[in-house]
Amino acid sequence: MRDQRLVPEVQRIARHVHEQYPDNAKKIIDRWLGDREFYAKA
């Protein structure tokens, strides 16, 4: 995978956001995954 070297840093940042800013983390998740059911039917 081209960006595989970035995965550990992204995971670290994601954990930090989840722990320190849970409301923002939920908004980010909803933004990225909120319409997944709509697109899954395409």
PDB file of N, CA and C in Angstrom:
ATOM      1  N   MET A   1       0.845  -1.161   0.000  1.00  0.00           N
ATOM      2  CA  MET A   1       0.000   0.000   0.000  1.00  0.00           C
ATOM      3  C   MET A   1       0.904   1.242   0.000  1.00  0.00           C
ATOM      4  N   ARG A   2       0.570   2.183  -0.823  1.00  0.00           N
ATOM      5  CA  ARG A   2       1.405   3.366  -1.020  1.00  0.00           C
ATOM      6  C   ARG A   2       1.605   4.177   0.257  1.00  0.00           C
ATOM      7  N   ASP A   3       0.560   4.367   1.025  1.00  0.00           N
ATOM      8  CA  ASP A   3       0.640   5.231   2.207  1.00  0.00           C
ATOM      9  C   ASP A   3       0.739   4.459   3.515  1.00  0.00           C
ATOM     10  N   GLN A   4       1.135   3.227   3.430  1.00  0.00           N
ATOM     11  CA  GLN A   4       1.181   2.358   4.602  1.00  0.00           C
ATOM     12  C   GLN A   4       2.030   2.948   5.729  1.00  0.00           C
ATOM     13  N   ARG A   5       3.072   3.655   5.386  1.00  0.00           N
ATOM     14  CA  ARG A   5       3.955   4.217   6.414  1.00  0.00           C
ATOM     15  C   ARG A   5       3.249   5.283   7.253  1.00  0.00           C
ATOM     16  N   LEU A   6       2.144   5.828   6.747  1.00  0.00           N
ATOM     17  CA  LEU A   6       1.401   6.860   7.469  1.00  0.00           C
ATOM     18  C   LEU A   6       0.408   6.291   8.479  1.00  0.00           C
ATOM     19  N   VAL A   7       0.081   5.012   8.356  1.00  0.00           N
ATOM     20  CA  VAL A   7      -0.970   4.410   9.173  1.00  0.00           C
ATOM     21  C   VAL A   7      -0.699   4.556  10.678  1.00  0.00           C
ATOM     22  N   PRO A   8       0.477   4.253  11.201  1.00  0.00           N
ATOM     23  CA  PRO A   8       0.687   4.396  12.650  1.00  0.00           C
ATOM     24  C   PRO A   8       0.472   5.833  13.156  1.00  0.00           C
ATOM     25  N   GLU A   9       0.907   6.809  12.403  1.00  0.00           N
ATOM     26  CA  GLU A   9       0.723   8.198  12.818  1.00  0.00           C
ATOM     27  C   GLU A   9      -0.757   8.593  12.779  1.00  0.00           C
ATOM     28  N   VAL A  10      -1.458   8.165  11.767  1.00  0.00           N
ATOM     29  CA  VAL A  10      -2.889   8.457  11.669  1.00  0.00           C
ATOM     30  C   VAL A  10      -3.641   7.775  12.820  1.00  0.00           C
ATOM     31  N   GLN A  11      -3.280   6.558  13.154  1.00  0.00           N
ATOM     32  CA  GLN A  11      -3.916   5.866  14.275  1.00  0.00           C
ATOM     33  C   GLN A  11      -3.656   6.602  15.586  1.00  0.00           C
ATOM     34  N   ARG A  12      -2.451   7.087  15.775  1.00  0.00           N
ATOM     35  CA  ARG A  12      -2.101   7.827  16.990  1.00  0.00           C
ATOM     36  C   ARG A  12      -2.939   9.096  17.095  1.00  0.00           C
ATOM     37  N   ILE A  13      -3.048   9.814  16.009  1.00  0.00           N
ATOM     38  CA  ILE A  13      -3.831  11.053  16.000  1.00  0.00           C
ATOM     39  C   ILE A  13      -5.307  10.749  16.230  1.00  0.00           C
ATOM     40  N   ALA A  14      -5.805   9.695  15.605  1.00  0.00           N
ATOM     41  CA  ALA A  14      -7.207   9.318  15.775  1.00  0.00           C
ATOM     42  C   ALA A  14      -7.513   8.990  17.234  1.00  0.00           C
ATOM     43  N   ARG A  15      -6.622   8.263  17.887  1.00  0.00           N
ATOM     44  CA  ARG A  15      -6.824   7.952  19.312  1.00  0.00           C
ATOM     45  C   ARG A  15      -6.846   9.227  20.146  1.00  0.00           C
ATOM     46  N   HIS A  16      -5.948  10.142  19.844  1.00  0.00           N
ATOM     47  CA  HIS A  16      -5.881  11.411  20.573  1.00  0.00           C
ATOM     48  C   HIS A  16      -7.189  12.199  20.409  1.00  0.00           C
ATOM     49  N   VAL A  17      -7.659  12.322  19.183  1.00  0.00           N
ATOM     50  CA  VAL A  17      -8.905  13.059  18.930  1.00  0.00           C
ATOM     51  C   VAL A  17     -10.066  12.366  19.645  1.00  0.00           C
ATOM     52  N   HIS A  18     -10.117  11.043  19.568  1.00  0.00           N
ATOM     53  CA  HIS A  18     -11.196  10.289  20.209  1.00  0.00           C
ATOM     54  C   HIS A  18     -11.192  10.495  21.725  1.00  0.00           C
ATOM     55  N   GLU A  19     -10.016  10.493  22.333  1.00  0.00           N
ATOM     56  CA  GLU A  19      -9.908  10.624  23.783  1.00  0.00           C
ATOM     57  C   GLU A  19     -10.101  12.067  24.259  1.00  0.00           C
ATOM     58  N   GLN A  20      -9.545  13.017  23.540  1.00  0.00           N
ATOM     59  CA  GLN A  20      -9.553  14.409  23.986  1.00  0.00           C
ATOM     60  C   GLN A  20     -10.757  15.209  23.479  1.00  0.00           C
ATOM     61  N   TYR A  21     -11.295  14.820  22.356  1.00  0.00           N
ATOM     62  CA  TYR A  21     -12.376  15.567  21.710  1.00  0.00           C
ATOM     63  C   TYR A  21     -13.456  14.612  21.187  1.00  0.00           C
ATOM     64  N   PRO A  22     -14.103  13.876  22.062  1.00  0.00           N
ATOM     65  CA  PRO A  22     -15.051  12.846  21.605  1.00  0.00           C
ATOM     66  C   PRO A  22     -16.194  13.396  20.750  1.00  0.00           C
ATOM     67  N   ASP A  23     -16.672  14.593  21.042  1.00  0.00           N
ATOM     68  CA  ASP A  23     -17.754  15.156  20.223  1.00  0.00           C
ATOM     69  C   ASP A  23     -17.280  15.422  18.801  1.00  0.00           C
ATOM     70  N   ASN A  24     -16.085  15.949  18.679  1.00  0.00           N
ATOM     71  CA  ASN A  24     -15.529  16.196  17.350  1.00  0.00           C
ATOM     72  C   ASN A  24     -15.265  14.883  16.621  1.00  0.00           C
ATOM     73  N   ALA A  25     -14.799  13.879  17.351  1.00  0.00           N
ATOM     74  CA  ALA A  25     -14.532  12.579  16.735  1.00  0.00           C
ATOM     75  C   ALA A  25     -15.811  12.001  16.143  1.00  0.00           C
ATOM     76  N   LYS A  26     -16.918  12.124  16.874  1.00  0.00           N
ATOM     77  CA  LYS A  26     -18.197  11.619  16.360  1.00  0.00           C
ATOM     78  C   LYS A  26     -18.597  12.364  15.097  1.00  0.00           C
ATOM     79  N   LYS A  27     -18.403  13.664  15.074  1.00  0.00           N
ATOM     80  CA  LYS A  27     -18.747  14.448  13.885  1.00  0.00           C
ATOM     81  C   LYS A  27     -17.906  14.021  12.688  1.00  0.00           C
ATOM     82  N   ILE A  28     -16.633  13.753  12.921  1.00  0.00           N
ATOM     83  CA  ILE A  28     -15.752  13.310  11.837  1.00  0.00           C
ATOM     84  C   ILE A  28     -16.214  11.950  11.310  1.00  0.00           C
ATOM     85  N   ILE A  29     -16.514  11.041  12.222  1.00  0.00           N
ATOM     86  CA  ILE A  29     -16.966   9.708  11.813  1.00  0.00           C
ATOM     87  C   ILE A  29     -18.273   9.801  11.042  1.00  0.00           C
ATOM     88  N   ASP A  30     -19.205  10.604  11.561  1.00  0.00           N
ATOM     89  CA  ASP A  30     -20.486  10.763  10.865  1.00  0.00           C
ATOM     90  C   ASP A  30     -20.289  11.359   9.478  1.00  0.00           C
ATOM     91  N   ARG A  31     -19.375  12.302   9.367  1.00  0.00           N
ATOM     92  CA  ARG A  31     -19.138  12.922   8.057  1.00  0.00           C
ATOM     93  C   ARG A  31     -18.596  11.905   7.057  1.00  0.00           C
ATOM     94  N   TRP A  32     -17.659  11.070   7.504  1.00  0.00           N
ATOM     95  CA  TRP A  32     -17.034  10.120   6.590  1.00  0.00           C
ATOM     96  C   TRP A  32     -17.882   8.885   6.340  1.00  0.00           C
ATOM     97  N   LEU A  33     -18.642   8.468   7.339  1.00  0.00           N
ATOM     98  CA  LEU A  33     -19.377   7.205   7.215  1.00  0.00           C
ATOM     99  C   LEU A  33     -20.890   7.374   7.233  1.00  0.00           C
ATOM    100  N   GLY A  34     -21.373   8.569   7.436  1.00  0.00           N
ATOM    101  CA  GLY A  34     -22.804   8.804   7.578  1.00  0.00           C
ATOM    102  C   GLY A  34     -23.633   8.368   6.402  1.00  0.00           C
ATOM    103  N   ASP A  35     -23.142   8.511   5.192  1.00  0.00           N
ATOM    104  CA  ASP A  35     -23.899   8.159   3.996  1.00  0.00           C
ATOM    105  C   ASP A  35     -23.502   6.813   3.416  1.00  0.00           C
ATOM    106  N   ARG A  36     -22.813   6.008   4.158  1.00  0.00           N
ATOM    107  CA  ARG A  36     -22.312   4.747   3.606  1.00  0.00           C
ATOM    108  C   ARG A  36     -23.429   3.835   3.138  1.00  0.00           C
ATOM    109  N   GLU A  37     -24.566   3.838   3.832  1.00  0.00           N
ATOM    110  CA  GLU A  37     -25.669   2.980   3.404  1.00  0.00           C
ATOM    111  C   GLU A  37     -26.223   3.440   2.062  1.00  0.00           C
ATOM    112  N   PHE A  38     -26.299   4.736   1.860  1.00  0.00           N
ATOM    113  CA  PHE A  38     -26.773   5.274   0.592  1.00  0.00           C
ATOM    114  C   PHE A  38     -25.855   4.845  -0.545  1.00  0.00           C
ATOM    115  N   TYR A  39     -24.550   4.981  -0.342  1.00  0.00           N
ATOM    116  CA  TYR A  39     -23.596   4.642  -1.391  1.00  0.00           C
ATOM    117  C   TYR A  39     -23.439   3.130  -1.562  1.00  0.00           C
ATOM    118  N   ALA A  40     -23.715   2.361  -0.521  1.00  0.00           N
ATOM    119  CA  ALA A  40     -23.618   0.910  -0.626  1.00  0.00           C
ATOM    120  C   ALA A  40     -24.672   0.344  -1.573  1.00  0.00           C
ATOM    121  N   LYS A  41     -25.764   1.084  -1.754  1.00  0.00           N
ATOM    122  CA  LYS A  41     -26.847   0.620  -2.626  1.00  0.00           C
ATOM    123  C   LYS A  41     -26.601   0.973  -4.090  1.00  0.00           C
ATOM    124  N   ALA A  42     -25.542   1.723  -4.343  1.00  0.00           N
ATOM    125  CA  ALA A  42     -25.262   2.158  -5.725  1.00  0.00           C
ATOM    126  C   ALA A  42     -24.839   0.998  -6.606  1.00  0.00           C
TER     127      ALA A  42
END
